Amino acid sequence: MTLLQQVQSGRQPRPRRVMLYGTHGIGKSTFGSMAETPIFIQTEDGLGEIDCDKLPIATRYSDVLAALSALYTQEHDYRTVVIDSLDWLERLIFAEICAKRGVDSIEDIGFAKGYTFALTQWREILEGLDALRNERGVQVILIAHARIEKFDNPETESYDRYVPRLNKHASALVQEWCDEVLFATYRVHTKHTDEGFNRKRTQGIGTGERILRTAERPAHMAKNRLSLPDEIPLDYRIFGAFLRGENPLQEADAATDQTTETTTEPTTEGA
C-alpha cells in the first residue's frame, strides 16, 4: 500500500485531553467527577466530600506510574481518568529528581537544569496517558491550580494574567499536548465610584456564577479545538454536550424564547 492510499478524510473524534485550571475551591474536582465514569489519580488530599472513584493518594512519582500502568493493563469500565492535581504531581516529580541527584531541592541543580530534567518525567506521564487514550479509549482530564504571572507581550506593555501553577516549561509541554485548556473562574463586574478630588474607587462585584473561559485572552491562558463559545458555565454536562456536537446554550435560549412567546398575553385596544 502506497502512502497516498493511506490518506484519511473526514472528522475522526477521539477522547479529549483536557487541562482544567482555576482558583482554589471553585469546583474543578467536581467538574472531573461529572465526566463519563471517572477514576481519580490523587496527588493531593481534596476529594473527601466528592462522591467519586479514586485511587489511594500518590506520595511518590512511582505511585502515579503504577496507577497509569494498572489502568492500562487491567480490566475496568472507567472512561475518564482525572489527575488531581498537576501542581502536586510536579512536587512528586521534583522529589524524584532530587532523590536521583542526591540534592535537597530542585534549585540545587545548577543553571535551572532541574526543571529541564523534569520534562523527562512529564513526557513519561503524557505517554502513559496517550496509551490510555489511544488504546483503551479513555478521556483525560488534568486539574491544576492557577497563579498570576507577569506576561511580557512584545506588542504592548507587560501585564498580569492567570496561568497554570506549574513551571513554565512543564506548563508549555502539557498545554501543547492537550486538546482543551480551560480556565475556571467567577464572573466579576466592576463598579466605579467617584470619591472626589479626581479620585475613583473600583469595586469588584460578583454573583458567584462560575464559568469556563475557553479561548486565550490577555487575562488568561486557554484554548480549545471544538469551536466552543468563549465562555460556558462550569458544568461538565454542558461541556459534554458540546463533545456530542450539541449546543446546549442555544437550545436553552430557544426554550426561553418559546416560553416567553407562550406566556405573553395579547393586548386589546379599546373597551
Protein backbone atom coordinates (compact mmCIF):
# COMPACT_ATOMS: atom_id res chain seq x y z
CA MET A 1 0.00 0.00 0.00
CA THR A 2 1.39 3.37 -1.03
CA LEU A 3 1.44 6.40 1.21
CA LEU A 4 -1.30 8.15 -0.76
CA GLN A 5 -3.52 5.08 -0.42
CA GLN A 6 -3.39 5.61 3.34
CA VAL A 7 -4.82 9.14 3.19
CA GLN A 8 -7.69 9.59 5.65
CA SER A 9 -10.52 12.10 5.35
CA GLY A 10 -13.40 13.37 7.44
CA ARG A 11 -13.68 14.03 11.17
CA GLN A 12 -12.36 11.32 13.48
CA PRO A 13 -13.43 12.21 17.03
CA ARG A 14 -11.25 10.82 19.79
CA PRO A 15 -11.35 11.02 23.60
CA ARG A 16 -10.44 14.52 24.73
CA ARG A 17 -7.27 15.62 26.53
CA VAL A 18 -8.36 18.45 28.81
CA MET A 19 -6.48 20.67 31.23
CA LEU A 20 -8.74 22.50 33.68
CA TYR A 21 -7.11 25.10 35.90
CA GLY A 22 -8.53 27.76 38.17
CA THR A 23 -8.64 29.25 41.63
CA HIS A 24 -8.83 27.13 44.77
CA GLY A 25 -12.25 25.70 45.65
CA ILE A 26 -14.08 26.81 42.52
CA GLY A 27 -15.24 23.31 41.58
CA LYS A 28 -12.52 21.79 39.38
CA SER A 29 -12.68 18.36 41.02
CA THR A 30 -16.47 18.39 40.87
CA PHE A 31 -16.20 19.05 37.12
CA GLY A 32 -14.00 15.97 36.77
CA SER A 33 -16.34 13.84 38.88
CA MET A 34 -19.21 14.59 36.46
CA ALA A 35 -17.32 13.21 33.46
CA GLU A 36 -18.17 9.82 31.98
CA THR A 37 -17.30 7.05 34.50
CA PRO A 38 -14.25 8.79 36.01
CA ILE A 39 -11.41 7.41 38.12
CA PHE A 40 -9.20 9.87 40.01
CA ILE A 41 -5.43 9.58 40.41
CA GLN A 42 -4.93 11.67 43.54
CA THR A 43 -1.74 13.56 44.22
CA GLU A 44 -3.33 15.72 46.92
CA ASP A 45 -5.99 15.22 49.57
CA GLY A 46 -9.07 17.11 48.44
CA LEU A 47 -11.75 14.63 47.35
CA GLY A 48 -13.19 13.72 50.74
CA GLU A 49 -16.51 15.47 50.10
CA ILE A 50 -16.91 14.29 46.49
CA ASP A 51 -18.62 11.01 45.66
CA CYS A 52 -16.24 9.50 43.12
CA ASP A 53 -13.93 6.54 42.50
CA LYS A 54 -10.37 7.34 43.43
CA LEU A 55 -7.08 5.54 43.87
CA PRO A 56 -5.03 5.96 47.09
CA ILE A 57 -3.18 9.29 47.28
CA ALA A 58 0.11 9.06 45.41
CA THR A 59 3.02 10.02 47.65
CA ARG A 60 5.75 9.19 45.14
CA TYR A 61 6.18 9.64 41.41
CA SER A 62 6.29 5.86 41.02
CA ASP A 63 2.78 5.65 42.52
CA VAL A 64 1.42 7.70 39.62
CA LEU A 65 3.19 5.49 37.07
CA ALA A 66 1.79 2.40 38.81
CA ALA A 67 -1.73 3.85 38.62
CA LEU A 68 -1.40 4.52 34.88
CA SER A 69 0.00 1.03 34.34
CA ALA A 70 -2.88 -0.59 36.24
CA LEU A 71 -5.48 1.35 34.24
CA TYR A 72 -3.75 0.31 31.02
CA THR A 73 -3.23 -3.40 31.76
CA GLN A 74 -6.18 -4.35 33.98
CA GLU A 75 -9.83 -4.77 33.08
CA HIS A 76 -12.14 -1.89 34.13
CA ASP A 77 -15.09 0.15 32.91
CA TYR A 78 -13.65 3.63 33.50
CA ARG A 79 -13.99 6.03 30.56
CA THR A 80 -12.21 9.04 32.09
CA VAL A 81 -9.00 9.37 34.10
CA VAL A 82 -8.59 12.53 36.19
CA ILE A 83 -5.24 13.59 37.66
CA ASP A 84 -5.86 15.87 40.63
CA SER A 85 -3.69 17.86 40.68
CA LEU A 86 -0.82 18.63 38.30
CA ASP A 87 0.91 21.07 40.64
CA TRP A 88 1.13 18.39 43.35
CA LEU A 89 2.27 15.88 40.74
CA GLU A 90 5.05 18.31 39.89
CA ARG A 91 6.21 18.15 43.52
CA LEU A 92 6.45 14.37 43.25
CA ILE A 93 8.46 14.75 40.03
CA PHE A 94 10.83 17.21 41.71
CA ALA A 95 11.25 14.84 44.67
CA GLU A 96 12.08 12.01 42.27
CA ILE A 97 14.75 14.08 40.54
CA CYS A 98 16.24 15.30 43.82
CA ALA A 99 16.49 11.73 45.13
CA LYS A 100 18.27 10.58 41.98
CA ARG A 101 20.64 13.56 42.00
CA GLY A 102 21.27 13.49 45.74
CA VAL A 103 20.16 17.07 46.37
CA ASP A 104 17.63 18.59 48.75
CA SER A 105 15.93 20.98 46.34
CA ILE A 106 15.35 21.22 42.61
CA GLU A 107 17.02 24.63 42.84
CA ASP A 108 20.25 22.93 43.99
CA ILE A 109 20.75 21.60 40.46
CA GLY A 110 22.69 24.39 38.80
CA PHE A 111 21.63 26.66 35.95
CA ALA A 112 17.95 25.66 36.38
CA LYS A 113 18.74 22.29 34.81
CA GLY A 114 16.49 20.53 37.33
CA TYR A 115 13.40 21.94 35.61
CA THR A 116 14.69 20.69 32.25
CA PHE A 117 15.36 17.24 33.72
CA ALA A 118 11.77 17.20 34.98
CA LEU A 119 10.46 17.28 31.40
CA THR A 120 11.56 13.64 31.03
CA GLN A 121 9.14 12.61 33.78
CA TRP A 122 6.39 14.79 32.37
CA ARG A 123 6.78 13.15 28.97
CA GLU A 124 6.61 9.74 30.63
CA ILE A 125 3.28 10.69 32.23
CA LEU A 126 1.89 12.04 28.95
CA GLU A 127 2.99 8.90 27.09
CA GLY A 128 1.12 6.78 29.64
CA LEU A 129 -1.98 8.94 29.24
CA ASP A 130 -1.70 8.73 25.46
CA ALA A 131 -1.65 4.93 25.69
CA LEU A 132 -4.84 5.01 27.78
CA ARG A 133 -6.49 7.37 25.32
CA ASN A 134 -5.40 5.70 22.09
CA GLU A 135 -5.64 2.04 23.08
CA ARG A 136 -8.25 2.00 25.85
CA GLY A 137 -10.46 4.89 24.66
CA VAL A 138 -10.11 6.81 27.93
CA GLN A 139 -10.67 10.56 28.17
CA VAL A 140 -8.08 12.57 30.15
CA ILE A 141 -8.79 15.48 32.50
CA LEU A 142 -5.81 17.20 34.15
CA ILE A 143 -6.61 19.53 37.04
CA ALA A 144 -4.31 22.35 38.16
CA HIS A 145 -4.48 25.44 40.32
CA ALA A 146 -3.93 28.93 38.92
CA ARG A 147 -1.41 31.63 39.64
CA ILE A 148 -0.84 35.13 38.33
CA GLU A 149 2.30 35.90 36.34
CA LYS A 150 3.55 38.95 34.51
CA PHE A 151 3.42 38.46 30.75
CA ASP A 152 5.91 40.35 28.59
CA ASN A 153 3.97 40.95 25.40
CA PRO A 154 6.33 42.26 22.66
CA GLU A 155 3.46 44.26 21.14
CA THR A 156 2.28 46.01 24.33
CA GLU A 157 3.35 46.89 27.83
CA SER A 158 3.66 44.00 30.28
CA TYR A 159 0.52 42.88 32.11
CA ASP A 160 -0.63 40.21 34.58
CA ARG A 161 -2.55 37.12 33.58
CA TYR A 162 -3.68 33.78 35.01
CA VAL A 163 -1.68 30.66 34.09
CA PRO A 164 -1.49 27.09 35.45
CA ARG A 165 0.60 26.87 38.62
CA LEU A 166 3.42 24.88 37.05
CA ASN A 167 6.97 25.54 35.97
CA LYS A 168 6.75 27.37 32.66
CA HIS A 169 8.50 24.61 30.68
CA ALA A 170 6.21 21.88 32.04
CA SER A 171 3.17 24.10 31.58
CA ALA A 172 4.01 24.72 27.92
CA LEU A 173 4.55 21.00 27.31
CA VAL A 174 1.25 19.95 28.89
CA GLN A 175 -0.74 22.74 27.24
CA GLU A 176 0.60 21.80 23.81
CA TRP A 177 -0.36 18.16 24.44
CA CYS A 178 -3.92 18.96 25.50
CA ASP A 179 -6.82 19.48 23.12
CA GLU A 180 -8.51 21.92 25.50
CA VAL A 181 -7.07 24.22 28.15
CA LEU A 182 -9.94 25.66 30.19
CA PHE A 183 -9.74 28.40 32.82
CA ALA A 184 -12.30 28.21 35.63
CA THR A 185 -13.20 31.50 37.27
CA TYR A 186 -16.03 33.56 38.72
CA ARG A 187 -17.86 36.15 36.68
CA VAL A 188 -16.89 39.55 38.08
CA HIS A 189 -18.23 43.01 37.30
CA THR A 190 -16.61 46.26 38.35
CA LYS A 191 -18.26 49.34 39.77
CA HIS A 192 -16.58 52.74 39.70
CA THR A 193 -17.37 55.29 42.39
CA ASP A 194 -16.31 58.94 42.20
CA GLU A 195 -14.77 59.90 45.56
CA GLY A 196 -13.98 63.49 44.56
CA PHE A 197 -10.66 65.23 44.12
CA ASN A 198 -10.16 63.33 40.84
CA ARG A 199 -10.12 60.02 42.68
CA LYS A 200 -12.17 56.99 41.72
CA ARG A 201 -12.72 53.79 43.61
CA THR A 202 -13.08 50.50 41.69
CA GLN A 203 -15.04 47.75 43.40
CA GLY A 204 -15.32 44.16 42.22
CA ILE A 205 -18.84 42.72 42.31
CA GLY A 206 -19.54 39.01 41.86
CA THR A 207 -22.70 36.93 41.83
CA GLY A 208 -20.90 33.64 42.49
CA GLU A 209 -21.51 32.46 38.91
CA ARG A 210 -18.78 30.01 37.90
CA ILE A 211 -17.69 29.93 34.27
CA LEU A 212 -15.10 28.39 31.98
CA ARG A 213 -13.02 30.57 29.69
CA THR A 214 -12.22 28.55 26.57
CA ALA A 215 -10.12 30.92 24.44
CA GLU A 216 -6.95 32.83 25.24
CA ARG A 217 -7.32 36.44 26.28
CA PRO A 218 -4.87 38.91 27.85
CA ALA A 219 -6.11 37.94 31.33
CA HIS A 220 -5.67 34.17 31.00
CA MET A 221 -4.30 31.22 29.04
CA ALA A 222 -6.87 28.97 27.32
CA LYS A 223 -7.55 27.14 24.07
CA ASN A 224 -9.96 24.67 22.53
CA ARG A 225 -10.29 22.67 19.31
CA LEU A 226 -14.07 22.34 19.44
CA SER A 227 -15.12 25.85 18.36
CA LEU A 228 -16.58 26.40 21.82
CA PRO A 229 -18.07 29.76 22.82
CA ASP A 230 -15.53 31.97 24.58
CA GLU A 231 -17.20 31.14 27.88
CA ILE A 232 -19.53 28.41 29.10
CA PRO A 233 -20.86 27.51 32.57
CA LEU A 234 -18.51 25.47 34.78
CA ASP A 235 -20.55 22.29 34.34
CA TYR A 236 -19.27 19.12 32.73
CA ARG A 237 -22.77 18.28 31.48
CA ILE A 238 -22.66 21.35 29.25
CA PHE A 239 -19.09 20.66 28.12
CA GLY A 240 -20.08 17.04 27.40
CA ALA A 241 -22.99 18.21 25.27
CA PHE A 242 -20.56 20.16 23.09
CA LEU A 243 -18.45 16.99 22.77
CA ARG A 244 -21.52 15.26 21.33
CA GLY A 245 -21.93 18.02 18.75
CA GLU A 246 -24.79 19.74 20.56
CA ASN A 247 -25.07 23.37 21.63
CA PRO A 248 -26.98 23.37 24.93
CA LEU A 249 -26.67 27.15 25.28
CA GLN A 250 -28.55 27.80 22.03
CA GLU A 251 -31.14 25.18 22.97
CA ALA A 252 -31.64 26.85 26.36
CA ASP A 253 -32.07 30.26 24.72
CA ALA A 254 -34.56 28.81 22.22
CA ALA A 255 -36.55 27.19 25.04
CA THR A 256 -36.63 30.50 26.93
CA ASP A 257 -37.82 32.39 23.84
CA GLN A 258 -40.56 29.81 23.24
CA THR A 259 -41.73 30.03 26.84
CA THR A 260 -41.84 33.82 26.61
CA GLU A 261 -43.95 33.69 23.45
CA THR A 262 -46.34 31.17 25.02
CA THR A 263 -46.90 33.12 28.23
CA THR A 264 -47.21 36.59 26.72
CA GLU A 265 -50.82 37.73 26.82
CA PRO A 266 -52.18 39.73 23.86
CA THR A 267 -53.22 43.30 24.49
CA THR A 268 -56.59 44.66 23.44
CA GLU A 269 -57.17 48.24 22.46
CA GLY A 270 -60.41 49.94 23.44
CA ALA A 271 -63.23 48.63 25.63
